[in-house]
Amino acid sequence: MFRRTFWFTTGVAAGVWATTKVNRKLKQLTPESLAATAANKAIEAGHRLKDRAVGFALDVRDNMAQREAELGEALGINADPELPAPRRYAVIENRNDPKYIENTTYSYNRNEDH
């Protein structure tokens, strides 16, 4: 009798375990769950890519500054030159612009010129 009870209980436990395992897998395979998983993986990949790009940009900037310093020393150029003043451009006014023409009237009648 004890043997039958043992195997019955073992069978029930295995059935419950298998049912919960199958239900979890089915929930993972729903369209909403798949979409959420794909979105999370895309976000993680984006963060990894951004971190690598930022690190690469910082490396490039450091190496660029180092190379500029080396070239400045080799060419004898002052490392901190004074920049020239910004250029100023003359403004050219368009006298044909409607704001300069006085007493201008516009007709919006499409049939006037015909």
C-alpha atoms as a PDB file:
ATOM      1  CA  MET A   1       0.000   0.000   0.000  1.00  0.00           C
ATOM      2  CA  PHE A   2       2.823   2.368   0.830  1.00  0.00           C
ATOM      3  CA  ARG A   3       4.331   1.700  -2.615  1.00  0.00           C
ATOM      4  CA  ARG A   4       1.177   2.731  -4.419  1.00  0.00           C
ATOM      5  CA  THR A   5       0.873   5.917  -2.378  1.00  0.00           C
ATOM      6  CA  PHE A   6       4.505   6.784  -3.045  1.00  0.00           C
ATOM      7  CA  TRP A   7       4.188   6.327  -6.805  1.00  0.00           C
ATOM      8  CA  PHE A   8       0.843   8.105  -6.900  1.00  0.00           C
ATOM      9  CA  THR A   9       2.343  11.107  -5.068  1.00  0.00           C
ATOM     10  CA  THR A  10       5.414  11.044  -7.321  1.00  0.00           C
ATOM     11  CA  GLY A  11       3.181  11.028 -10.410  1.00  0.00           C
ATOM     12  CA  VAL A  12       1.079  13.920  -9.118  1.00  0.00           C
ATOM     13  CA  ALA A  13       4.223  15.942  -8.321  1.00  0.00           C
ATOM     14  CA  ALA A  14       5.676  15.227 -11.765  1.00  0.00           C
ATOM     15  CA  GLY A  15       2.373  16.256 -13.384  1.00  0.00           C
ATOM     16  CA  VAL A  16       2.225  19.517 -11.430  1.00  0.00           C
ATOM     17  CA  TRP A  17       5.867  20.261 -12.252  1.00  0.00           C
ATOM     18  CA  ALA A  18       5.356  19.530 -15.977  1.00  0.00           C
ATOM     19  CA  THR A  19       2.157  21.602 -16.101  1.00  0.00           C
ATOM     20  CA  THR A  20       3.783  24.640 -14.497  1.00  0.00           C
ATOM     21  CA  LYS A  21       6.801  24.301 -16.801  1.00  0.00           C
ATOM     22  CA  VAL A  22       4.585  24.129 -19.911  1.00  0.00           C
ATOM     23  CA  ASN A  23       2.442  27.079 -18.756  1.00  0.00           C
ATOM     24  CA  ARG A  24       5.555  29.225 -18.174  1.00  0.00           C
ATOM     25  CA  LYS A  25       6.852  28.378 -21.635  1.00  0.00           C
ATOM     26  CA  LEU A  26       3.481  29.168 -23.218  1.00  0.00           C
ATOM     27  CA  LYS A  27       3.428  32.566 -21.471  1.00  0.00           C
ATOM     28  CA  GLN A  28       6.929  33.268 -22.815  1.00  0.00           C
ATOM     29  CA  LEU A  29       5.761  32.509 -26.349  1.00  0.00           C
ATOM     30  CA  THR A  30       2.789  34.905 -26.415  1.00  0.00           C
ATOM     31  CA  PRO A  31       3.145  37.784 -28.903  1.00  0.00           C
ATOM     32  CA  GLU A  32       3.170  40.391 -26.116  1.00  0.00           C
ATOM     33  CA  SER A  33       5.923  38.575 -24.241  1.00  0.00           C
ATOM     34  CA  LEU A  34       7.984  38.097 -27.398  1.00  0.00           C
ATOM     35  CA  ALA A  35       7.613  41.781 -28.276  1.00  0.00           C
ATOM     36  CA  ALA A  36       8.644  42.841 -24.774  1.00  0.00           C
ATOM     37  CA  THR A  37      11.656  40.535 -24.851  1.00  0.00           C
ATOM     38  CA  ALA A  38      12.720  41.845 -28.261  1.00  0.00           C
ATOM     39  CA  ALA A  39      12.322  45.438 -27.095  1.00  0.00           C
ATOM     40  CA  ASN A  40      14.395  44.796 -23.966  1.00  0.00           C
ATOM     41  CA  LYS A  41      17.157  43.164 -25.989  1.00  0.00           C
ATOM     42  CA  ALA A  42      17.147  46.042 -28.477  1.00  0.00           C
ATOM     43  CA  ILE A  43      17.435  48.567 -25.650  1.00  0.00           C
ATOM     44  CA  GLU A  44      20.322  46.629 -24.096  1.00  0.00           C
ATOM     45  CA  ALA A  45      22.089  46.449 -27.462  1.00  0.00           C
ATOM     46  CA  GLY A  46      21.577  50.190 -27.927  1.00  0.00           C
ATOM     47  CA  HIS A  47      23.099  50.931 -24.527  1.00  0.00           C
ATOM     48  CA  ARG A  48      26.106  48.710 -25.275  1.00  0.00           C
ATOM     49  CA  LEU A  49      26.582  50.371 -28.657  1.00  0.00           C
ATOM     50  CA  LYS A  50      26.311  53.851 -27.143  1.00  0.00           C
ATOM     51  CA  ASP A  51      28.863  53.007 -24.463  1.00  0.00           C
ATOM     52  CA  ARG A  52      31.292  51.703 -27.058  1.00  0.00           C
ATOM     53  CA  ALA A  53      30.763  54.748 -29.290  1.00  0.00           C
ATOM     54  CA  VAL A  54      31.354  57.137 -26.404  1.00  0.00           C
ATOM     55  CA  GLY A  55      34.513  55.273 -25.426  1.00  0.00           C
ATOM     56  CA  PHE A  56      35.707  55.325 -29.027  1.00  0.00           C
ATOM     57  CA  ALA A  57      35.008  59.060 -29.337  1.00  0.00           C
ATOM     58  CA  LEU A  58      36.950  59.776 -26.146  1.00  0.00           C
ATOM     59  CA  ASP A  59      39.888  57.693 -27.391  1.00  0.00           C
ATOM     60  CA  VAL A  60      39.850  59.517 -30.723  1.00  0.00           C
ATOM     61  CA  ARG A  61      39.744  62.907 -28.980  1.00  0.00           C
ATOM     62  CA  ASP A  62      42.665  62.003 -26.705  1.00  0.00           C
ATOM     63  CA  ASN A  63      44.749  60.673 -29.579  1.00  0.00           C
ATOM     64  CA  MET A  64      43.907  63.711 -31.704  1.00  0.00           C
ATOM     65  CA  ALA A  65      45.063  66.101 -28.980  1.00  0.00           C
ATOM     66  CA  GLN A  66      48.245  64.082 -28.510  1.00  0.00           C
ATOM     67  CA  ARG A  67      48.981  64.079 -32.246  1.00  0.00           C
ATOM     68  CA  GLU A  68      48.303  67.821 -32.520  1.00  0.00           C
ATOM     69  CA  ALA A  69      50.773  68.431 -29.709  1.00  0.00           C
ATOM     70  CA  GLU A  70      53.360  66.246 -31.450  1.00  0.00           C
ATOM     71  CA  LEU A  71      52.876  68.071 -34.753  1.00  0.00           C
ATOM     72  CA  GLY A  72      53.002  71.434 -33.000  1.00  0.00           C
ATOM     73  CA  GLU A  73      56.337  70.534 -31.435  1.00  0.00           C
ATOM     74  CA  ALA A  74      57.718  69.161 -34.698  1.00  0.00           C
ATOM     75  CA  LEU A  75      56.683  72.255 -36.692  1.00  0.00           C
ATOM     76  CA  GLY A  76      57.498  74.762 -33.954  1.00  0.00           C
ATOM     77  CA  ILE A  77      53.963  76.113 -33.877  1.00  0.00           C
ATOM     78  CA  ASN A  78      52.692  77.800 -30.746  1.00  0.00           C
ATOM     79  CA  ALA A  79      50.302  75.386 -29.081  1.00  0.00           C
ATOM     80  CA  ASP A  80      47.893  78.149 -28.023  1.00  0.00           C
ATOM     81  CA  PRO A  81      47.711  80.661 -30.888  1.00  0.00           C
ATOM     82  CA  GLU A  82      45.548  83.747 -30.656  1.00  0.00           C
ATOM     83  CA  LEU A  83      42.605  83.489 -32.971  1.00  0.00           C
ATOM     84  CA  PRO A  84      41.823  86.325 -35.379  1.00  0.00           C
ATOM     85  CA  ALA A  85      38.770  88.477 -34.787  1.00  0.00           C
ATOM     86  CA  PRO A  86      35.591  87.193 -36.419  1.00  0.00           C
ATOM     87  CA  ARG A  87      34.747  88.647 -39.801  1.00  0.00           C
ATOM     88  CA  ARG A  88      31.939  91.119 -40.161  1.00  0.00           C
ATOM     89  CA  TYR A  89      29.838  91.111 -43.265  1.00  0.00           C
ATOM     90  CA  ALA A  90      28.035  94.099 -44.719  1.00  0.00           C
ATOM     91  CA  VAL A  91      24.289  93.719 -44.979  1.00  0.00           C
ATOM     92  CA  ILE A  92      22.958  94.284 -48.470  1.00  0.00           C
ATOM     93  CA  GLU A  93      19.365  95.410 -48.550  1.00  0.00           C
ATOM     94  CA  ASN A  94      17.075  94.411 -51.388  1.00  0.00           C
ATOM     95  CA  ARG A  95      15.227  97.534 -52.466  1.00  0.00           C
ATOM     96  CA  ASN A  96      12.825  95.436 -54.526  1.00  0.00           C
ATOM     97  CA  ASP A  97      11.542  93.880 -51.341  1.00  0.00           C
ATOM     98  CA  PRO A  98       7.821  94.706 -50.854  1.00  0.00           C
ATOM     99  CA  LYS A  99       8.477  96.352 -47.513  1.00  0.00           C
ATOM    100  CA  TYR A 100      10.359  99.166 -49.358  1.00  0.00           C
ATOM    101  CA  ILE A 101       7.744  99.674 -52.087  1.00  0.00           C
ATOM    102  CA  GLU A 102       5.075 102.141 -51.031  1.00  0.00           C
ATOM    103  CA  ASN A 103       1.424 102.117 -52.024  1.00  0.00           C
ATOM    104  CA  THR A 104       1.525  98.615 -53.343  1.00  0.00           C
ATOM    105  CA  THR A 105      -1.850  97.025 -53.773  1.00  0.00           C
ATOM    106  CA  TYR A 106      -2.378  93.418 -54.544  1.00  0.00           C
ATOM    107  CA  SER A 107      -5.470  92.060 -56.177  1.00  0.00           C
ATOM    108  CA  TYR A 108      -6.489  88.604 -55.239  1.00  0.00           C
ATOM    109  CA  ASN A 109      -9.087  88.340 -57.978  1.00  0.00           C
ATOM    110  CA  ARG A 110      -8.006  85.490 -60.211  1.00  0.00           C
ATOM    111  CA  ASN A 111     -10.096  86.681 -63.150  1.00  0.00           C
ATOM    112  CA  GLU A 112      -8.798  90.263 -63.228  1.00  0.00           C
ATOM    113  CA  ASP A 113      -6.001  89.730 -65.743  1.00  0.00           C
ATOM    114  CA  HIS A 114      -8.042  87.664 -68.210  1.00  0.00           C
END
